[in-house]
Amino acid sequence: MWFSAPGMLRLHTVTLASLLLLPGSLLAQDAAPAPAAAIPAPATAPAPAAAPAATDTVIVDAATEQLINSALRWLATKQNTNGSWSVGEGGRRGEHPVAMTGYVLMAYMASGQLPEQGEYAKQVKAGMEFLLDCIGVDGTYRGVDGSKYMYNHGIATIALGELYGETRNPVIREKLERAIKLIITSQSDRPPHKGGWRYQPRPNDADISVTVLQVVALRAAKNGGIDVPQQTIDDAVDYVRRCSVPNTGGFSYQAGWGGNGPGYARTAAAIYSLQVCGQYNDPLVQAGSRFLFDRKFEKRFWVYGSNYAGPAQYMVGGDTWKRWYDYMKEVILPSARRVGDAAFWDDNEVSPVYATACFATILAMPLHYLPLYQR
């Protein structure tokens, strides 16, 4: 079932991360609760959601808040005239406007910005309309690199799912349902990949980097009242569990330990997947959380992995979350590049737009605006 704790999930990037932009061969070499009820639309600004644990002592201090605002200001200057964001200057993997728009919208929503409210309402609305315009009658997004289609599909659908949950806009719902249906029908039904997803929108093989985006998108849609078959979730949970590597706490790239053993990024993706499917107290989540602390200095795909590790540790809560957020700040804050009253990051993985969206989202987690990060 979706939730391992009673109660309704309240009204939340990033990140897939960059795997839509990273060759799969590279990543592969890297080291009974009640179902969710529909979430009512907020009358004004979205209220902060419940803390992940009994008491959340983590706050966004003044310096961090200022940096988040500077990052959102910088991202606003990078929006294209059609409402999209793309990899842009300094990019290394193509433009990917559908995916980049999804990541940036998540960063804005993490700070409480919505299409009709907030300093960046205009930018959020334009980005939302761009994604909606890209969805065809079959539920696919136009203008996406076909070789890694489902990465793009996943993050864009997550953003639309969160926007629908916040606004209850019927125009979003119609197209969101198409995109969700495509995810459901693309789930692999072939052993040993059954329950996962891969690059193409068809039920063939699977890996954890694509699977995480699809289950997060399904969760976002479910939160908003979109029907998602329980069997789809149960099969996804089974697939993720089969990616665990015994006696390590980590997860591999594919089921059966494919992809040369456990690694930081893939483990972050895996435990986040289990959590959004309601498996908060799964022993694999607890072991994976400890694994992330042990491997937090693993630099390969660090931005990508941290984009999942952040919400995963947030949902673990308590001292685990506090220690993780403090570590993120130690790394992220000093590395920001300032340009007047704006700020950005470069990640050496994808581009400054991607890194800035991911880091702004991570830093804003204690604001509790993003429902995907709530238990």
Protein backbone atom coordinates (compact mmCIF):
# COMPACT_ATOMS: atom_id res chain seq x y z
CA MET A 1 0.00 0.00 0.00
CA TRP A 2 1.01 3.60 -0.43
CA PHE A 3 1.45 4.52 3.22
CA SER A 4 3.02 2.74 6.12
CA ALA A 5 1.82 5.36 8.58
CA PRO A 6 -1.83 6.32 9.00
CA GLY A 7 -3.14 9.61 7.79
CA MET A 8 -3.31 11.59 4.62
CA LEU A 9 -0.21 12.80 2.86
CA ARG A 10 -0.20 16.58 2.66
CA LEU A 11 0.79 18.69 -0.05
CA HIS A 12 6.77 18.76 -3.62
CA THR A 13 13.21 18.12 -7.49
CA VAL A 14 14.50 17.34 -8.24
CA THR A 15 16.06 15.31 -9.14
CA LEU A 16 15.99 12.65 -11.52
CA ALA A 17 18.87 13.86 -11.85
CA SER A 18 20.88 13.97 -14.68
CA LEU A 19 20.60 10.51 -15.83
CA LEU A 20 18.43 11.61 -18.69
CA LEU A 21 21.55 13.37 -19.76
CA LEU A 22 24.14 10.81 -18.75
CA PRO A 23 24.95 7.73 -20.84
CA GLY A 24 23.45 4.65 -19.27
CA SER A 25 26.75 2.82 -19.63
CA LEU A 26 28.42 5.42 -17.41
CA LEU A 27 25.87 5.15 -14.66
CA ALA A 28 26.01 1.40 -14.84
CA GLN A 29 29.69 1.61 -14.02
CA ASP A 30 29.07 3.82 -10.96
CA ALA A 31 30.46 2.52 -8.07
CA ALA A 32 -1.10 -2.32 5.46
CA PRO A 33 -1.68 1.36 5.59
CA ALA A 34 -4.58 3.30 4.15
CA PRO A 35 -4.38 4.70 0.62
CA ALA A 36 -3.82 8.42 0.18
CA ALA A 37 -6.85 10.64 0.12
CA ALA A 38 -7.17 13.44 -2.37
CA ILE A 39 -5.52 16.66 -1.25
CA PRO A 40 -7.68 19.77 -1.16
CA ALA A 41 -6.58 22.73 -3.19
CA PRO A 42 -5.06 25.51 -1.10
CA ALA A 43 -7.18 28.62 -0.84
CA THR A 44 -4.18 30.93 -0.84
CA ALA A 45 -0.54 30.05 -0.31
CA PRO A 46 0.18 26.36 0.32
CA ALA A 47 0.45 25.70 4.03
CA PRO A 48 3.67 24.08 5.22
CA ALA A 49 3.22 20.32 5.33
CA ALA A 50 3.73 18.17 8.38
CA ALA A 51 7.28 17.52 9.51
CA PRO A 52 8.77 14.15 8.56
CA ALA A 53 9.20 13.14 12.18
CA ALA A 54 7.59 14.05 15.49
CA THR A 55 9.71 17.20 15.74
CA ASP A 56 11.66 18.77 12.91
CA THR A 57 14.28 21.09 14.32
CA VAL A 58 15.87 21.80 10.94
CA ILE A 59 15.24 25.32 9.67
CA VAL A 60 16.29 27.45 6.72
CA ASP A 61 18.46 30.15 8.26
CA ALA A 62 18.70 33.68 6.90
CA ALA A 63 21.88 33.10 4.90
CA THR A 64 20.49 29.97 3.27
CA GLU A 65 17.18 31.66 2.50
CA GLN A 66 19.00 34.53 0.84
CA LEU A 67 20.98 32.10 -1.29
CA ILE A 68 17.85 30.22 -2.32
CA ASN A 69 16.23 33.49 -3.39
CA SER A 70 19.35 34.43 -5.34
CA ALA A 71 19.24 31.07 -7.12
CA LEU A 72 15.57 31.48 -8.05
CA ARG A 73 16.38 34.95 -9.37
CA TRP A 74 19.18 33.52 -11.53
CA LEU A 75 16.94 30.74 -12.86
CA ALA A 76 14.32 33.31 -13.88
CA THR A 77 16.87 34.96 -16.14
CA LYS A 78 17.46 31.64 -17.93
CA GLN A 79 13.87 30.96 -18.95
CA ASN A 80 13.31 30.74 -22.69
CA THR A 81 10.64 32.78 -24.47
CA ASN A 82 8.44 29.68 -24.90
CA GLY A 83 8.36 29.16 -21.14
CA SER A 84 10.89 26.35 -21.02
CA TRP A 85 14.31 26.03 -19.48
CA SER A 86 17.05 24.12 -21.22
CA VAL A 87 20.52 22.90 -20.36
CA GLY A 88 21.86 26.15 -21.78
CA GLU A 89 25.29 27.69 -21.69
CA GLY A 90 27.86 25.42 -20.17
CA GLY A 91 25.70 22.39 -20.88
CA ARG A 92 27.28 19.07 -21.66
CA ARG A 93 24.45 16.78 -22.73
CA GLY A 94 22.11 18.55 -25.14
CA GLU A 95 19.29 20.94 -24.36
CA HIS A 96 16.53 18.68 -22.92
CA PRO A 97 13.91 21.43 -22.40
CA VAL A 98 11.19 19.09 -21.10
CA ALA A 99 13.39 17.66 -18.35
CA MET A 100 15.06 20.94 -17.42
CA THR A 101 11.69 22.66 -17.15
CA GLY A 102 10.56 19.94 -14.78
CA TYR A 103 13.60 20.37 -12.55
CA VAL A 104 13.31 24.14 -12.40
CA LEU A 105 9.59 24.06 -11.65
CA MET A 106 10.32 21.76 -8.72
CA ALA A 107 12.84 24.26 -7.39
CA TYR A 108 10.29 27.06 -7.51
CA MET A 109 7.58 24.96 -5.89
CA ALA A 110 9.99 23.94 -3.13
CA SER A 111 9.98 27.60 -2.12
CA GLY A 112 6.21 27.98 -2.34
CA GLN A 113 5.99 29.50 -5.82
CA LEU A 114 2.86 28.59 -7.80
CA PRO A 115 1.32 29.64 -11.14
CA GLU A 116 -0.94 32.23 -9.51
CA GLN A 117 1.06 33.30 -6.48
CA GLY A 118 4.53 34.24 -5.45
CA GLU A 119 7.24 36.47 -6.86
CA TYR A 120 7.86 33.99 -9.68
CA ALA A 121 4.26 33.09 -10.50
CA LYS A 122 4.71 34.28 -14.08
CA GLN A 123 7.73 32.03 -14.63
CA VAL A 124 6.04 29.02 -13.03
CA LYS A 125 2.89 29.45 -15.09
CA ALA A 126 4.85 29.77 -18.33
CA GLY A 127 6.88 26.65 -17.52
CA MET A 128 3.74 24.71 -16.68
CA GLU A 129 2.08 25.74 -19.93
CA PHE A 130 5.15 24.70 -21.87
CA LEU A 131 5.01 21.19 -20.44
CA LEU A 132 1.27 20.90 -21.01
CA ASP A 133 1.67 22.00 -24.62
CA CYS A 134 4.29 19.27 -25.14
CA ILE A 135 1.98 16.38 -24.15
CA GLY A 136 0.36 14.59 -27.08
CA VAL A 137 -2.81 12.53 -27.21
CA ASP A 138 -0.81 9.37 -26.48
CA GLY A 139 0.67 10.83 -23.29
CA THR A 140 4.18 11.36 -24.64
CA TYR A 141 6.07 14.66 -24.58
CA ARG A 142 7.13 16.12 -27.90
CA GLY A 143 10.71 17.15 -28.55
CA VAL A 144 12.37 14.61 -26.25
CA ASP A 145 15.52 12.63 -26.96
CA GLY A 146 14.17 9.19 -27.78
CA SER A 147 17.24 7.33 -26.57
CA LYS A 148 16.47 8.22 -22.94
CA TYR A 149 12.86 9.22 -23.20
CA MET A 150 11.57 8.03 -19.82
CA TYR A 151 14.00 10.19 -17.84
CA ASN A 152 12.44 13.28 -19.38
CA HIS A 153 8.93 11.89 -19.05
CA GLY A 154 9.42 11.13 -15.37
CA ILE A 155 10.65 14.48 -14.09
CA ALA A 156 8.20 16.49 -16.21
CA THR A 157 5.30 14.36 -14.96
CA ILE A 158 6.45 14.77 -11.35
CA ALA A 159 6.33 18.55 -11.77
CA LEU A 160 2.86 18.44 -13.34
CA GLY A 161 1.64 16.08 -10.64
CA GLU A 162 2.75 18.49 -7.94
CA LEU A 163 1.22 21.45 -9.78
CA TYR A 164 -2.08 19.63 -10.11
CA GLY A 165 -2.08 18.76 -6.43
CA GLU A 166 -1.58 22.42 -5.57
CA THR A 167 -4.00 23.96 -8.06
CA ARG A 168 -6.61 21.34 -9.05
CA ASN A 169 -6.53 22.80 -12.52
CA PRO A 170 -8.68 20.48 -14.71
CA VAL A 171 -6.52 21.24 -17.76
CA ILE A 172 -3.53 19.78 -15.93
CA ARG A 173 -5.48 16.72 -14.82
CA GLU A 174 -6.53 15.75 -18.33
CA LYS A 175 -2.97 15.71 -19.64
CA LEU A 176 -1.47 14.37 -16.44
CA GLU A 177 -3.73 11.32 -16.70
CA ARG A 178 -2.35 10.65 -20.19
CA ALA A 179 1.23 10.86 -18.98
CA ILE A 180 0.51 8.59 -16.00
CA LYS A 181 -1.22 6.02 -18.19
CA LEU A 182 1.91 5.82 -20.33
CA ILE A 183 4.03 5.15 -17.23
CA ILE A 184 1.70 2.37 -16.09
CA THR A 185 1.67 0.65 -19.47
CA SER A 186 5.45 0.96 -19.85
CA GLN A 187 6.26 -0.98 -16.67
CA SER A 188 8.31 -4.07 -17.41
CA ASP A 189 6.58 -7.42 -17.15
CA ARG A 190 9.66 -9.47 -18.01
CA PRO A 191 11.79 -11.26 -15.41
CA PRO A 192 14.19 -10.29 -13.93
CA HIS A 193 13.13 -6.71 -14.73
CA LYS A 194 9.45 -7.06 -13.85
CA GLY A 195 8.17 -4.00 -12.01
CA GLY A 196 10.78 -1.52 -13.23
CA TRP A 197 11.21 0.89 -16.13
CA ARG A 198 13.96 1.70 -18.63
CA TYR A 199 14.75 4.28 -21.29
CA GLN A 200 11.92 3.58 -23.74
CA PRO A 201 8.16 3.74 -23.09
CA ARG A 202 7.67 0.01 -23.47
CA PRO A 203 7.75 -2.92 -21.02
CA ASN A 204 11.21 -4.35 -21.64
CA ASP A 205 14.14 -4.21 -19.21
CA ALA A 206 14.62 -1.86 -16.25
CA ASP A 207 17.10 0.01 -14.05
CA ILE A 208 16.84 1.92 -10.79
CA SER A 209 17.68 5.33 -12.29
CA VAL A 210 14.64 5.31 -14.56
CA THR A 211 12.40 3.48 -12.13
CA VAL A 212 12.74 6.10 -9.39
CA LEU A 213 11.35 8.86 -11.59
CA GLN A 214 8.33 6.84 -12.60
CA VAL A 215 7.35 5.83 -9.06
CA VAL A 216 7.75 9.40 -7.82
CA ALA A 217 5.52 10.59 -10.68
CA LEU A 218 2.94 7.95 -9.78
CA ARG A 219 3.03 9.08 -6.15
CA ALA A 220 2.57 12.73 -7.09
CA ALA A 221 -0.41 11.82 -9.26
CA LYS A 222 -1.90 9.55 -6.59
CA ASN A 223 -1.66 12.35 -4.05
CA GLY A 224 -3.81 14.47 -6.35
CA GLY A 225 -6.48 11.80 -6.73
CA ILE A 226 -5.32 10.23 -10.02
CA ASP A 227 -5.98 6.50 -10.05
CA VAL A 228 -2.86 4.33 -9.89
CA PRO A 229 -3.28 0.53 -9.68
CA GLN A 230 -1.91 -0.91 -6.45
CA GLN A 231 -0.39 -3.77 -8.43
CA THR A 232 1.77 -1.28 -10.32
CA ILE A 233 3.19 -0.05 -7.00
CA ASP A 234 3.61 -3.52 -5.52
CA ASP A 235 5.56 -4.67 -8.58
CA ALA A 236 7.74 -1.56 -8.43
CA VAL A 237 8.56 -2.18 -4.76
CA ASP A 238 9.50 -5.78 -5.55
CA TYR A 239 11.79 -4.61 -8.34
CA VAL A 240 13.59 -2.06 -6.15
CA ARG A 241 14.09 -4.63 -3.41
CA ARG A 242 15.69 -6.99 -5.91
CA CYS A 243 18.27 -4.27 -6.63
CA SER A 244 19.58 -4.40 -3.05
CA VAL A 245 23.01 -5.89 -2.53
CA PRO A 246 23.06 -8.13 0.57
CA ASN A 247 25.30 -7.23 3.50
CA THR A 248 26.18 -3.78 2.11
CA GLY A 249 23.17 -1.55 2.72
CA GLY A 250 23.49 -0.37 -0.88
CA PHE A 251 21.70 -0.97 -4.15
CA SER A 252 22.83 -1.89 -7.63
CA TYR A 253 21.90 -0.33 -10.95
CA GLN A 254 19.71 -3.26 -11.96
CA ALA A 255 18.05 -6.20 -10.25
CA GLY A 256 20.41 -9.09 -9.62
CA TRP A 257 23.23 -6.67 -8.73
CA GLY A 258 23.70 -5.54 -12.31
CA GLY A 259 25.92 -2.47 -12.72
CA ASN A 260 29.01 -3.39 -10.74
CA GLY A 261 27.73 -3.28 -7.20
CA PRO A 262 26.24 -0.67 -4.88
CA GLY A 263 26.84 3.06 -5.19
CA TYR A 264 25.80 6.37 -3.64
CA ALA A 265 23.54 7.63 -6.43
CA ARG A 266 21.72 4.38 -7.10
CA THR A 267 21.20 3.73 -3.39
CA ALA A 268 19.70 7.19 -2.90
CA ALA A 269 17.35 6.56 -5.83
CA ALA A 270 16.36 3.17 -4.46
CA ILE A 271 15.47 4.13 -0.90
CA TYR A 272 13.60 7.21 -2.10
CA SER A 273 11.63 4.90 -4.41
CA LEU A 274 10.69 2.65 -1.51
CA GLN A 275 9.65 5.60 0.63
CA VAL A 276 7.36 7.20 -1.95
CA CYS A 277 5.74 3.77 -2.30
CA GLY A 278 4.99 3.85 1.42
CA GLN A 279 7.80 1.60 2.65
CA TYR A 280 9.14 4.09 5.18
CA ASN A 281 10.12 1.53 7.81
CA ASP A 282 11.55 -1.07 5.46
CA PRO A 283 14.90 -2.31 6.89
CA LEU A 284 16.39 -1.69 3.44
CA VAL A 285 15.59 2.02 3.83
CA GLN A 286 17.32 2.21 7.19
CA ALA A 287 20.37 0.35 5.90
CA GLY A 288 20.43 2.50 2.77
CA SER A 289 20.34 5.67 4.85
CA ARG A 290 23.46 4.54 6.72
CA PHE A 291 25.10 3.58 3.42
CA LEU A 292 24.58 7.13 2.14
CA PHE A 293 26.46 8.57 5.10
CA ASP A 294 29.29 6.13 4.50
CA ARG A 295 29.48 6.96 0.79
CA LYS A 296 28.61 10.65 0.82
CA PHE A 297 32.05 11.59 -0.50
CA GLU A 298 31.55 9.50 -3.63
CA LYS A 299 31.78 12.22 -6.27
CA ARG A 300 30.49 10.47 -9.34
CA PHE A 301 26.93 11.61 -10.06
CA TRP A 302 26.97 13.40 -6.71
CA VAL A 303 24.40 16.05 -7.67
CA TYR A 304 22.09 13.41 -9.08
CA GLY A 305 22.42 11.20 -6.04
CA SER A 306 22.06 14.06 -3.56
CA ASN A 307 18.83 15.09 -5.24
CA TYR A 308 17.35 11.78 -4.08
CA ALA A 309 19.33 11.44 -0.88
CA GLY A 310 17.92 14.73 0.40
CA PRO A 311 14.24 13.74 0.40
CA ALA A 312 15.13 10.20 1.48
CA GLN A 313 16.94 11.39 4.60
CA TYR A 314 14.24 14.03 5.17
CA MET A 315 11.64 11.27 5.37
CA VAL A 316 13.82 9.27 7.75
CA GLY A 317 13.69 12.42 9.87
CA GLY A 318 15.07 13.22 13.29
CA ASP A 319 18.80 13.43 13.84
CA THR A 320 19.44 11.63 10.55
CA TRP A 321 17.82 14.46 8.61
CA LYS A 322 19.51 17.15 10.68
CA ARG A 323 22.98 15.67 10.13
CA TRP A 324 22.32 15.24 6.42
CA TYR A 325 21.02 18.77 5.89
CA ASP A 326 23.97 20.21 7.79
CA TYR A 327 26.32 18.26 5.53
CA MET A 328 24.50 19.45 2.40
CA LYS A 329 24.86 23.06 3.52
CA GLU A 330 28.57 22.59 4.22
CA VAL A 331 29.09 21.46 0.64
CA ILE A 332 26.52 23.52 -1.29
CA LEU A 333 26.69 26.99 0.25
CA PRO A 334 30.41 27.70 -0.26
CA SER A 335 30.32 26.47 -3.86
CA ALA A 336 27.72 28.99 -5.07
CA ARG A 337 28.83 31.52 -7.67
CA ARG A 338 27.36 34.98 -7.24
CA VAL A 339 26.53 37.43 -10.00
CA GLY A 340 25.19 40.63 -8.48
CA ASP A 341 22.06 39.69 -6.54
CA ALA A 342 21.79 36.31 -8.29
CA ALA A 343 23.60 33.02 -7.65
CA PHE A 344 24.09 29.70 -9.40
CA TRP A 345 26.05 26.46 -9.22
CA ASP A 346 27.88 24.39 -11.80
CA ASP A 347 28.06 20.65 -11.29
CA ASN A 348 30.34 19.25 -13.98
CA GLU A 349 27.56 16.72 -14.62
CA VAL A 350 25.03 18.55 -16.77
CA SER A 351 24.95 22.35 -16.57
CA PRO A 352 24.49 25.33 -14.24
CA VAL A 353 20.71 25.34 -14.79
CA TYR A 354 20.45 21.72 -13.71
CA ALA A 355 22.75 22.10 -10.69
CA THR A 356 21.07 25.29 -9.54
CA ALA A 357 17.60 23.76 -9.73
CA CYS A 358 18.72 20.70 -7.76
CA PHE A 359 20.58 22.61 -5.05
CA ALA A 360 17.83 25.20 -4.60
CA THR A 361 15.38 22.35 -4.10
CA ILE A 362 17.57 20.57 -1.55
CA LEU A 363 18.20 23.73 0.46
CA ALA A 364 14.47 24.56 0.57
CA MET A 365 13.34 21.20 1.93
CA PRO A 366 12.89 22.43 5.54
CA LEU A 367 10.27 24.88 4.27
CA HIS A 368 7.94 21.84 3.94
CA TYR A 369 6.19 23.02 0.78
CA LEU A 370 6.73 19.87 -1.26
CA PRO A 371 4.25 17.06 -0.54
CA LEU A 372 6.39 14.34 -2.10
CA TYR A 373 8.80 14.79 0.78
CA GLN A 374 6.17 14.11 3.44
CA ARG A 375 5.40 10.76 4.97
